[in-house]
Amino acid sequence: MVKVFIVYDTKYGNTKLVAEKIVEGMREIKGIETVVSDVKEVDLERIANSDAILIGSPNHWGGPSRTIR
């Protein structure tokens, strides 16, 4: 089982929506376990035990949000 952790930061909810849509698609694939979390509530142990990490962030002044950095 491949464990994928998706962590995101969102200001207006758009990045959260994208993260949730990615999770929906990944759950249709056998052999993939997905976890999604707001960066403010992230469980560092779960990240450490993941095979892949996807990071979603709004774009602020040409880069990721301060919280994601």
C-alpha atoms as a PDB file:
ATOM      1  CA  MET A   1       0.000   0.000   0.000  1.00  0.00           C
ATOM      2  CA  VAL A   2       1.416   3.376  -1.046  1.00  0.00           C
ATOM      3  CA  LYS A   3       0.750   6.103   1.517  1.00  0.00           C
ATOM      4  CA  VAL A   4       0.251   9.602   0.107  1.00  0.00           C
ATOM      5  CA  PHE A   5       0.001  12.595   2.415  1.00  0.00           C
ATOM      6  CA  ILE A   6      -1.511  15.802   1.055  1.00  0.00           C
ATOM      7  CA  VAL A   7      -0.892  18.945   3.063  1.00  0.00           C
ATOM      8  CA  TYR A   8      -2.247  22.327   2.036  1.00  0.00           C
ATOM      9  CA  ASP A   9      -2.613  25.913   3.120  1.00  0.00           C
ATOM     10  CA  THR A  10      -5.590  27.941   1.983  1.00  0.00           C
ATOM     11  CA  LYS A  11      -6.752  31.490   2.391  1.00  0.00           C
ATOM     12  CA  TYR A  12     -10.154  31.423   0.690  1.00  0.00           C
ATOM     13  CA  GLY A  13     -10.751  27.648   0.488  1.00  0.00           C
ATOM     14  CA  ASN A  14      -9.653  27.117  -3.114  1.00  0.00           C
ATOM     15  CA  THR A  15      -6.495  25.141  -2.328  1.00  0.00           C
ATOM     16  CA  LYS A  16      -8.479  22.962   0.084  1.00  0.00           C
ATOM     17  CA  LEU A  17     -10.978  22.223  -2.694  1.00  0.00           C
ATOM     18  CA  VAL A  18      -8.177  21.197  -5.062  1.00  0.00           C
ATOM     19  CA  ALA A  19      -6.629  18.945  -2.376  1.00  0.00           C
ATOM     20  CA  GLU A  20      -9.995  17.261  -1.771  1.00  0.00           C
ATOM     21  CA  LYS A  21     -10.471  16.651  -5.518  1.00  0.00           C
ATOM     22  CA  ILE A  22      -7.014  15.070  -5.731  1.00  0.00           C
ATOM     23  CA  VAL A  23      -7.932  12.785  -2.819  1.00  0.00           C
ATOM     24  CA  GLU A  24     -11.182  11.788  -4.568  1.00  0.00           C
ATOM     25  CA  GLY A  25      -9.241  10.744  -7.660  1.00  0.00           C
ATOM     26  CA  MET A  26      -6.551   8.890  -5.735  1.00  0.00           C
ATOM     27  CA  ARG A  27      -9.098   6.900  -3.746  1.00  0.00           C
ATOM     28  CA  GLU A  28     -10.265   5.339  -7.017  1.00  0.00           C
ATOM     29  CA  ILE A  29      -6.822   3.778  -7.495  1.00  0.00           C
ATOM     30  CA  LYS A  30      -6.184   0.461  -5.767  1.00  0.00           C
ATOM     31  CA  GLY A  31      -3.152   0.334  -3.517  1.00  0.00           C
ATOM     32  CA  ILE A  32      -3.093   4.019  -2.573  1.00  0.00           C
ATOM     33  CA  GLU A  33      -3.967   5.274   0.894  1.00  0.00           C
ATOM     34  CA  THR A  34      -4.459   9.039   1.099  1.00  0.00           C
ATOM     35  CA  VAL A  35      -4.494  11.457   4.011  1.00  0.00           C
ATOM     36  CA  VAL A  36      -5.244  15.162   3.613  1.00  0.00           C
ATOM     37  CA  SER A  37      -4.559  17.858   6.197  1.00  0.00           C
ATOM     38  CA  ASP A  38      -4.455  21.612   6.595  1.00  0.00           C
ATOM     39  CA  VAL A  39      -0.861  22.626   7.346  1.00  0.00           C
ATOM     40  CA  LYS A  40      -2.034  24.191  10.628  1.00  0.00           C
ATOM     41  CA  GLU A  41      -3.284  20.778  11.835  1.00  0.00           C
ATOM     42  CA  VAL A  42      -0.655  18.506  10.293  1.00  0.00           C
ATOM     43  CA  ASP A  43       0.506  15.347  12.099  1.00  0.00           C
ATOM     44  CA  LEU A  44       4.276  15.220  11.534  1.00  0.00           C
ATOM     45  CA  GLU A  45       4.442  11.507  12.358  1.00  0.00           C
ATOM     46  CA  ARG A  46       2.021  10.714   9.531  1.00  0.00           C
ATOM     47  CA  ILE A  47       4.164  12.724   7.121  1.00  0.00           C
ATOM     48  CA  ALA A  48       7.265  10.808   8.208  1.00  0.00           C
ATOM     49  CA  ASN A  49       5.475   7.502   7.514  1.00  0.00           C
ATOM     50  CA  SER A  50       4.301   8.533   4.020  1.00  0.00           C
ATOM     51  CA  ASP A  51       5.721   7.322   0.717  1.00  0.00           C
ATOM     52  CA  ALA A  52       4.801  10.544  -1.093  1.00  0.00           C
ATOM     53  CA  ILE A  53       3.904  14.061  -0.007  1.00  0.00           C
ATOM     54  CA  LEU A  54       1.905  16.553  -2.070  1.00  0.00           C
ATOM     55  CA  ILE A  55       1.997  20.180  -0.963  1.00  0.00           C
ATOM     56  CA  GLY A  56      -0.646  22.694  -1.987  1.00  0.00           C
ATOM     57  CA  SER A  57      -0.375  26.416  -1.409  1.00  0.00           C
ATOM     58  CA  PRO A  58      -1.884  29.628  -2.629  1.00  0.00           C
ATOM     59  CA  ASN A  59       0.494  31.842  -4.597  1.00  0.00           C
ATOM     60  CA  HIS A  60       1.562  34.934  -2.665  1.00  0.00           C
ATOM     61  CA  TRP A  61       3.902  37.338  -4.415  1.00  0.00           C
ATOM     62  CA  GLY A  62       5.231  34.620  -6.710  1.00  0.00           C
ATOM     63  CA  GLY A  63       5.786  31.908  -4.108  1.00  0.00           C
ATOM     64  CA  PRO A  64       4.096  29.663  -1.557  1.00  0.00           C
ATOM     65  CA  SER A  65       2.349  31.019   1.499  1.00  0.00           C
ATOM     66  CA  ARG A  66       4.471  31.783   4.551  1.00  0.00           C
ATOM     67  CA  THR A  67       2.830  28.916   6.453  1.00  0.00           C
ATOM     68  CA  ILE A  68       3.923  26.367   3.831  1.00  0.00           C
ATOM     69  CA  ARG A  69       7.468  27.719   3.609  1.00  0.00           C
END
